[in-house]
Protein backbone atom coordinates (compact mmCIF):
# COMPACT_ATOMS: atom_id res chain seq x y z
CA MET A 1 16.11 12.44 8.80
CA ILE A 2 15.97 9.05 7.27
CA GLU A 3 19.99 8.11 5.88
CA THR A 4 21.10 7.00 2.52
CA VAL A 5 21.09 3.36 2.00
CA GLU A 6 24.03 1.88 -0.37
CA ASN A 7 23.21 -1.99 -0.57
CA ASN A 8 22.85 -4.29 -2.90
CA GLN A 9 18.83 -4.33 -2.11
CA GLN A 10 18.80 -0.52 -2.99
CA GLN A 11 20.75 -0.80 -6.16
CA ARG A 12 18.61 -3.47 -8.57
CA ARG A 13 18.76 -1.82 -11.78
CA PRO A 14 16.31 -1.45 -14.89
CA GLN A 15 16.69 -4.52 -17.44
CA ALA A 16 16.44 -7.04 -15.47
CA ALA A 17 15.91 -10.34 -17.41
CA SER A 18 13.29 -12.77 -16.27
CA ALA A 19 14.39 -15.87 -14.57
CA VAL A 20 11.64 -17.79 -15.63
CA SER A 21 11.22 -16.43 -19.25
CA GLY A 22 14.93 -15.05 -20.31
CA GLU A 23 13.40 -12.08 -21.73
CA CYS A 24 15.03 -8.06 -21.10
CA HIS A 25 12.04 -6.54 -19.30
CA ASP A 26 12.07 -2.92 -18.77
CA ARG A 27 11.73 -3.37 -14.54
CA ALA A 28 13.36 0.02 -13.53
CA LEU A 29 11.66 -0.20 -9.50
CA PRO A 30 9.27 2.60 -9.09
CA TRP A 31 11.91 4.29 -7.01
CA SER A 32 15.25 6.03 -7.41
CA ALA A 33 18.59 4.03 -5.01
CA GLY A 34 19.90 6.02 -2.83
CA THR A 35 17.02 6.69 -0.32
CA PRO A 36 15.03 4.19 1.50
CA PRO A 37 11.48 5.26 -0.60
CA LEU A 38 8.35 6.01 1.68
CA MET A 39 5.21 4.70 0.08
CA LEU A 40 1.52 4.97 1.06
CA ALA A 41 -0.27 1.82 1.16
CA PRO A 42 -3.26 1.16 -0.33
CA MET A 43 -6.27 0.90 2.30
CA GLN A 44 -9.64 0.06 -0.18
CA GLY A 45 -11.71 2.64 0.77
CA VAL A 46 -9.48 4.95 1.72
CA THR A 47 -7.08 5.73 -0.28
CA ASN A 48 -8.53 6.77 -3.91
CA ARG A 49 -7.42 8.83 -6.46
CA SER A 50 -8.50 12.60 -3.85
CA LEU A 51 -6.72 11.18 -1.29
CA ARG A 52 -3.62 10.11 -3.21
CA ALA A 53 -3.69 13.60 -4.59
CA LEU A 54 -4.02 15.26 -1.33
CA PHE A 55 -0.95 13.67 -0.24
CA ILE A 56 1.27 14.40 -2.89
CA GLU A 57 0.44 17.74 -2.66
CA ARG A 58 1.11 17.70 0.81
CA VAL A 59 3.75 15.16 1.77
CA ARG A 60 4.86 13.89 -1.86
CA PRO A 61 5.17 10.10 -1.25
CA ASP A 62 7.66 8.14 -3.19
CA VAL A 63 5.42 5.84 -4.59
CA VAL A 64 1.72 5.58 -4.33
CA PHE A 65 -0.51 2.79 -4.85
CA THR A 66 -4.23 2.24 -6.07
CA GLU A 67 -6.61 0.52 -3.58
CA PHE A 68 -7.39 -2.81 -5.33
CA MET A 69 -8.55 -3.42 -8.17
CA ARG A 70 -10.83 -6.94 -8.62
CA VAL A 71 -10.00 -9.22 -11.40
CA ASN A 72 -13.40 -10.58 -12.62
CA ALA A 73 -12.81 -14.16 -13.13
CA ALA A 74 -16.32 -14.75 -14.14
CA ALA A 75 -15.62 -12.35 -16.77
CA ALA A 76 -14.49 -13.27 -20.68
CA VAL A 77 -12.99 -9.98 -21.89
CA ARG A 78 -13.14 -7.51 -19.36
CA ARG A 79 -11.24 -8.24 -16.26
CA LEU A 80 -11.56 -4.59 -14.82
CA SER A 81 -14.31 -2.82 -14.80
CA ALA A 82 -14.67 0.73 -16.69
CA VAL A 83 -13.90 2.56 -13.16
CA ASP A 84 -10.23 0.70 -12.77
CA LEU A 85 -9.34 1.23 -15.83
CA ARG A 86 -9.98 4.97 -16.14
CA GLU A 87 -7.67 5.11 -13.08
CA ILE A 88 -4.93 3.21 -14.39
CA ALA A 89 -1.46 5.66 -14.95
CA ALA A 90 2.29 5.26 -14.78
CA ALA A 91 2.38 8.11 -12.77
CA GLU A 92 0.75 10.65 -10.24
CA GLU A 93 1.93 14.54 -10.70
CA GLY A 94 5.12 12.13 -11.40
CA VAL A 95 4.71 9.92 -8.60
CA PRO A 96 4.85 6.67 -9.72
CA LEU A 97 1.80 5.02 -9.19
CA VAL A 98 1.79 1.31 -8.03
CA VAL A 99 -1.40 -0.79 -9.51
CA GLN A 100 -2.83 -3.34 -7.17
CA LEU A 101 -4.76 -6.52 -8.41
CA VAL A 102 -6.97 -8.79 -6.35
CA GLY A 103 -8.00 -12.11 -7.46
CA HIS A 104 -7.53 -15.74 -8.32
CA GLY A 105 -6.97 -18.11 -10.79
CA LYS A 106 -3.64 -17.84 -13.39
CA GLU A 107 -5.87 -17.15 -16.99
CA PRO A 108 -7.81 -14.04 -15.17
CA LEU A 109 -5.06 -12.18 -12.89
CA VAL A 110 -2.34 -12.45 -16.28
CA SER A 111 -5.45 -11.44 -18.52
CA ALA A 112 -5.80 -8.65 -16.14
CA ALA A 113 -2.64 -7.59 -15.39
CA LEU A 114 -2.23 -7.60 -19.91
CA ALA A 115 -5.05 -5.12 -19.42
CA ALA A 116 -3.59 -2.86 -16.72
CA GLN A 117 -0.74 -2.88 -19.14
CA GLU A 118 -2.28 -1.66 -22.01
CA ALA A 119 -4.40 1.31 -20.04
CA GLY A 120 -0.92 2.64 -19.05
CA ALA A 121 0.14 0.52 -15.81
CA VAL A 122 3.82 0.15 -15.14
CA HIS A 123 4.40 -1.07 -12.15
CA LEU A 124 1.86 -4.03 -11.02
CA ASN A 125 1.09 -5.16 -7.47
CA LEU A 126 -0.76 -8.31 -6.26
CA ASN A 127 -2.59 -8.25 -3.22
CA MET A 128 -1.73 -11.60 -1.33
CA GLY A 129 -2.34 -10.14 2.16
CA CYS A 130 -6.37 -8.37 2.48
CA PRO A 131 -7.52 -10.30 5.60
CA TYR A 132 -11.37 -9.13 5.07
CA GLY A 133 -14.65 -10.62 3.65
CA ARG A 134 -14.54 -12.54 0.72
CA MET A 135 -10.37 -12.02 0.69
CA THR A 136 -10.17 -14.93 3.21
CA SER A 137 -13.71 -16.80 2.59
CA GLY A 138 -12.55 -17.31 -1.32
CA PHE A 139 -8.69 -17.59 -2.55
CA THR A 140 -7.91 -14.05 -3.47
CA GLY A 141 -6.19 -11.75 -0.89
CA GLY A 142 -4.70 -13.50 1.90
CA GLY A 143 -6.68 -16.25 1.02
CA MET A 144 -4.48 -17.10 -1.90
CA LEU A 145 -1.99 -18.23 1.19
CA ARG A 146 -4.18 -20.93 1.59
CA ARG A 147 -3.23 -22.74 -1.84
CA PRO A 148 0.49 -21.94 -1.92
CA ARG A 149 1.00 -24.89 -5.44
CA GLU A 150 -1.10 -22.61 -7.12
CA LEU A 151 1.42 -19.86 -6.40
CA GLU A 152 3.80 -21.98 -8.40
CA GLU A 153 1.92 -21.53 -11.29
CA ILE A 154 0.05 -18.06 -10.95
CA ILE A 155 3.59 -16.26 -9.87
CA PRO A 156 5.61 -16.70 -12.68
CA ALA A 157 3.16 -16.37 -15.40
CA LEU A 158 2.40 -12.95 -14.16
CA ARG A 159 5.90 -12.56 -14.32
CA ARG A 160 5.89 -13.36 -17.70
CA ALA A 161 2.91 -11.28 -18.91
CA ILE A 162 4.70 -8.05 -16.63
CA ARG A 163 6.99 -5.61 -18.86
CA GLY A 164 7.61 -3.23 -16.40
CA SER A 165 8.18 -3.82 -12.36
CA PHE A 166 5.98 -7.09 -10.87
CA SER A 167 5.89 -6.78 -6.79
CA VAL A 168 3.88 -8.57 -4.65
CA LYS A 169 2.17 -7.59 -0.85
CA LEU A 170 1.51 -9.99 1.31
CA ARG A 171 1.15 -10.86 5.16
CA SER A 172 3.69 -13.50 6.62
CA GLY A 173 1.33 -16.16 6.58
CA TYR A 174 -2.22 -17.54 6.90
CA ASP A 175 -2.04 -18.71 10.12
CA ASP A 176 1.23 -19.50 10.00
CA PRO A 177 4.18 -16.78 10.67
CA ASP A 178 6.47 -19.03 8.63
CA GLN A 179 5.42 -19.59 5.69
CA ILE A 180 6.96 -16.42 4.27
CA PHE A 181 9.94 -18.61 4.25
CA SER A 182 8.80 -21.08 1.77
CA LEU A 183 7.19 -18.93 -0.60
CA LEU A 184 10.93 -16.59 -1.08
CA PRO A 185 12.16 -19.03 -3.38
CA LEU A 186 9.41 -18.57 -5.65
CA PHE A 187 9.38 -15.57 -5.66
CA GLU A 188 13.08 -15.33 -6.04
CA ASP A 189 12.90 -17.67 -9.07
CA ALA A 190 10.17 -15.90 -10.88
CA GLY A 191 12.16 -12.59 -11.62
CA VAL A 192 9.12 -10.71 -8.70
CA ASP A 193 11.25 -7.61 -8.12
CA PHE A 194 10.24 -6.29 -4.64
CA LEU A 195 7.80 -7.33 -2.07
CA VAL A 196 5.56 -5.37 0.79
CA LEU A 197 5.77 -7.47 4.06
CA HIS A 198 3.26 -6.30 6.40
CA PRO A 199 4.05 -9.38 9.13
CA ARG A 200 1.22 -10.40 10.70
CA THR A 201 -0.68 -13.93 9.42
CA VAL A 202 -4.37 -12.97 7.66
CA VAL A 203 -6.09 -14.92 10.48
CA GLN A 204 -4.59 -11.87 12.92
CA GLU A 205 -6.14 -9.25 10.79
CA TYR A 206 -4.95 -5.94 12.47
CA THR A 207 -5.32 -8.07 15.94
CA GLY A 208 -1.86 -7.93 18.11
CA ARG A 209 1.44 -6.34 16.99
CA ALA A 210 2.78 -7.16 13.52
CA ASP A 211 6.09 -8.36 14.28
CA HIS A 212 9.07 -7.00 12.44
CA GLY A 213 11.41 -9.59 13.90
CA VAL A 214 10.06 -11.54 10.95
CA THR A 215 10.59 -8.91 8.42
CA ALA A 216 14.30 -8.34 9.33
CA GLN A 217 14.35 -12.05 8.95
CA VAL A 218 12.84 -11.94 5.83
CA VAL A 219 15.68 -9.37 4.86
CA ARG A 220 18.67 -11.30 5.65
CA ARG A 221 17.05 -14.68 3.75
CA THR A 222 16.59 -12.90 0.05
CA ARG A 223 18.03 -10.86 -2.43
CA LEU A 224 14.41 -9.17 -2.87
CA PRO A 225 13.77 -5.22 -1.76
CA VAL A 226 11.66 -5.58 1.19
CA ILE A 227 9.31 -3.14 1.86
CA ALA A 228 8.42 -3.15 5.93
CA ASN A 229 4.54 -2.58 6.74
CA GLY A 230 2.51 -2.21 9.95
CA ASP A 231 2.23 -0.36 12.92
CA ILE A 232 4.64 2.30 11.55
CA ARG A 233 2.85 4.92 13.78
CA SER A 234 5.42 7.63 14.27
CA ALA A 235 9.26 8.72 12.95
CA ALA A 236 10.72 6.36 15.43
CA ASP A 237 8.91 4.02 15.14
CA GLY A 238 9.93 4.09 11.20
CA LYS A 239 13.47 4.97 11.39
CA ARG A 240 13.90 1.88 14.39
CA LEU A 241 12.38 -0.42 11.54
CA LEU A 242 14.44 0.31 9.13
CA ARG A 243 17.66 0.30 11.20
CA GLU A 244 16.71 -3.12 12.91
CA SER A 245 15.43 -4.90 10.10
CA GLY A 246 17.25 -3.46 7.02
CA ALA A 247 14.48 -2.79 5.27
CA ALA A 248 14.72 -1.15 1.85
CA GLY A 249 11.95 1.27 2.58
CA LEU A 250 8.71 1.95 4.15
CA MET A 251 5.16 1.69 3.84
CA LEU A 252 2.80 3.78 5.88
CA GLY A 253 -0.55 3.46 6.03
CA ARG A 254 -3.04 4.00 9.16
CA GLY A 255 -0.15 5.95 10.92
CA ALA A 256 0.13 8.37 7.68
CA ILE A 257 -3.35 8.82 7.72
CA ALA A 258 -3.54 9.82 11.18
CA ASP A 259 -0.79 12.00 11.02
CA PRO A 260 0.26 12.95 6.98
CA LEU A 261 3.04 14.76 8.36
CA LEU A 262 4.79 11.02 9.03
CA PHE A 263 6.40 11.02 5.56
CA GLN A 264 7.78 14.87 6.68
CA ARG A 265 8.93 13.74 9.97
CA LEU A 266 10.78 10.37 8.72
CA ARG A 267 12.48 13.04 6.62
CA GLY A 268 13.92 15.10 8.89
CA ARG A 269 11.55 18.16 6.81
CA ALA A 270 8.90 18.55 10.26
CA SER A 271 9.08 18.02 13.92
CA ALA A 272 10.02 13.99 14.58
CA GLU A 273 7.59 14.56 18.30
CA PRO A 274 5.26 17.21 18.03
CA ASP A 275 3.01 17.89 20.15
CA ARG A 276 -0.85 17.87 20.83
CA ALA A 277 -1.64 21.54 19.99
CA GLU A 278 0.96 21.20 16.40
CA ARG A 279 -0.56 18.07 15.67
CA GLY A 280 -4.45 19.11 16.25
CA GLU A 281 -3.81 21.98 13.61
CA GLN A 282 -1.94 19.92 11.57
CA LEU A 283 -4.90 17.07 11.40
CA ARG A 284 -7.93 19.71 10.92
CA LEU A 285 -6.40 21.84 8.29
CA TYR A 286 -5.35 17.93 6.58
CA LEU A 287 -9.26 17.04 6.92
CA GLN A 288 -10.72 20.45 6.04
CA ALA A 289 -8.83 19.84 2.88
CA LEU A 290 -9.83 16.28 2.25
CA LEU A 291 -13.61 17.13 2.84
CA ARG A 292 -13.17 20.50 -0.05
CA SER A 293 -11.68 17.69 -1.74
CA TYR A 294 -14.42 14.83 -1.41
CA ARG A 295 -16.97 17.06 -2.51
CA GLU A 296 -15.24 17.70 -5.67
CA LEU A 297 -14.65 13.76 -6.21
CA PHE A 298 -18.09 12.59 -5.32
CA CYS A 299 -21.34 13.31 -5.91
CA GLY A 300 -24.16 14.14 -3.32
CA ASP A 301 -23.61 15.48 1.02
CA SER A 302 -24.63 11.49 1.38
CA GLN A 303 -21.92 10.02 -0.84
CA VAL A 304 -19.49 13.07 0.71
CA LEU A 305 -19.70 12.07 4.24
CA GLY A 306 -19.78 8.35 3.76
CA LYS A 307 -16.42 8.33 2.17
CA PHE A 308 -15.51 10.91 4.85
CA LYS A 309 -16.12 8.74 7.83
CA ALA A 310 -14.28 5.96 5.98
CA VAL A 311 -11.08 8.03 6.50
CA LEU A 312 -11.94 8.14 10.43
CA VAL A 313 -12.31 4.58 10.64
CA THR A 314 -8.58 3.80 9.89
CA MET A 315 -7.78 6.52 12.07
CA ASP A 316 -6.76 5.49 15.53
CA ASP A 317 -4.66 8.88 17.44
CA PRO A 318 -6.01 8.28 21.61
CA ASP A 319 -5.35 12.01 22.06
CA PHE A 320 -8.10 12.87 19.22
CA GLU A 321 -10.72 10.17 19.97
CA ASP A 322 -13.29 12.52 21.22
CA GLU A 323 -12.90 14.36 18.15
CA ARG A 324 -12.94 11.17 15.79
CA ARG A 325 -16.37 10.57 17.63
CA ARG A 326 -18.26 12.99 17.42
CA LEU A 327 -16.96 13.30 13.29
CA LYS A 328 -18.29 9.91 12.87
CA ARG A 329 -21.22 10.33 14.90
CA ALA A 330 -22.49 13.58 12.01
CA LYS A 331 -25.60 13.86 10.27
CA SER A 332 -24.82 16.12 7.79
CA LEU A 333 -21.70 18.02 6.08
CA ALA A 334 -22.61 20.73 7.91
CA GLU A 335 -21.93 19.21 11.49
CA VAL A 336 -18.84 17.82 10.23
CA VAL A 337 -17.72 21.25 9.47
CA SER A 338 -18.22 22.82 13.22
CA VAL A 339 -16.97 19.65 14.70
CA LEU A 340 -13.48 20.52 12.38
CA GLU A 341 -13.40 24.15 13.22
CA ARG A 342 -12.93 22.84 16.74
CA ILE A 343 -9.77 20.64 16.16
CA GLY A 344 -7.00 21.93 17.37
């Protein structure tokens, strides 16, 4: 079971004063002090509201994130899409919901943050880590790390605009894993509430291994709570990472998509080292429930099949690779149902 943590990172309280504006913000963190929070990672095309609802029902993460919401820099008025605005809330079924923004430019990002707050957001996060597509070719997502001087304007401006908690999810650097250390004073001085760190560079994408030695160094060199993210595939991985890095909590992504019970395994409420038969049964039940949920949310078999296969792309458990390949090759929902029935 994850042990209770009593340290300075966990003890930051609401009503902290902004270091930039001197104003008082209602900046309660999206988790309670005492136990390291376990967060469901935002994964574009995967962690939609249907999947989040399934996780909340089955394992109840301490915090969930939206998929990133694209900020339209060219729009004069509407910075966020109508679809995104409808998804914004302070919480989902009582679980704090963090709204993640991805975009560039001080004015568009601030405008989007204000719009998100008006729609009901309490916790806002800036994506500075996404390594794919336009995120690296432009200066959004991980690309923001290519222009650190612009961050000196953007981060304080967002802090002034955001009434609730403001966090940043980022890589350790664009192409230099030590870049994070030069950014820590900016985050602290601006009044950022916590960091979510994936210790790879943007150019690495998902190759190699996340270097959580960097995570441990960041924890030692900042007063901000640091949430560790990257390559947490088992309860043993997560517990070791918390112990060795001193991180305030964990963000679970691909490991949890492959095994949602990873949340409960870390809490000591499910087998820490399940055998293949147990994992197979749980995988079947989870994917069957997800398919039912997608049939209710999405329109038409083709869209349901596409959304379902997007989840499979992130699953890389070698024990079930054959089953995953058959599901990815499936041409119809009936074929998916047939394959699922044989898992276990």
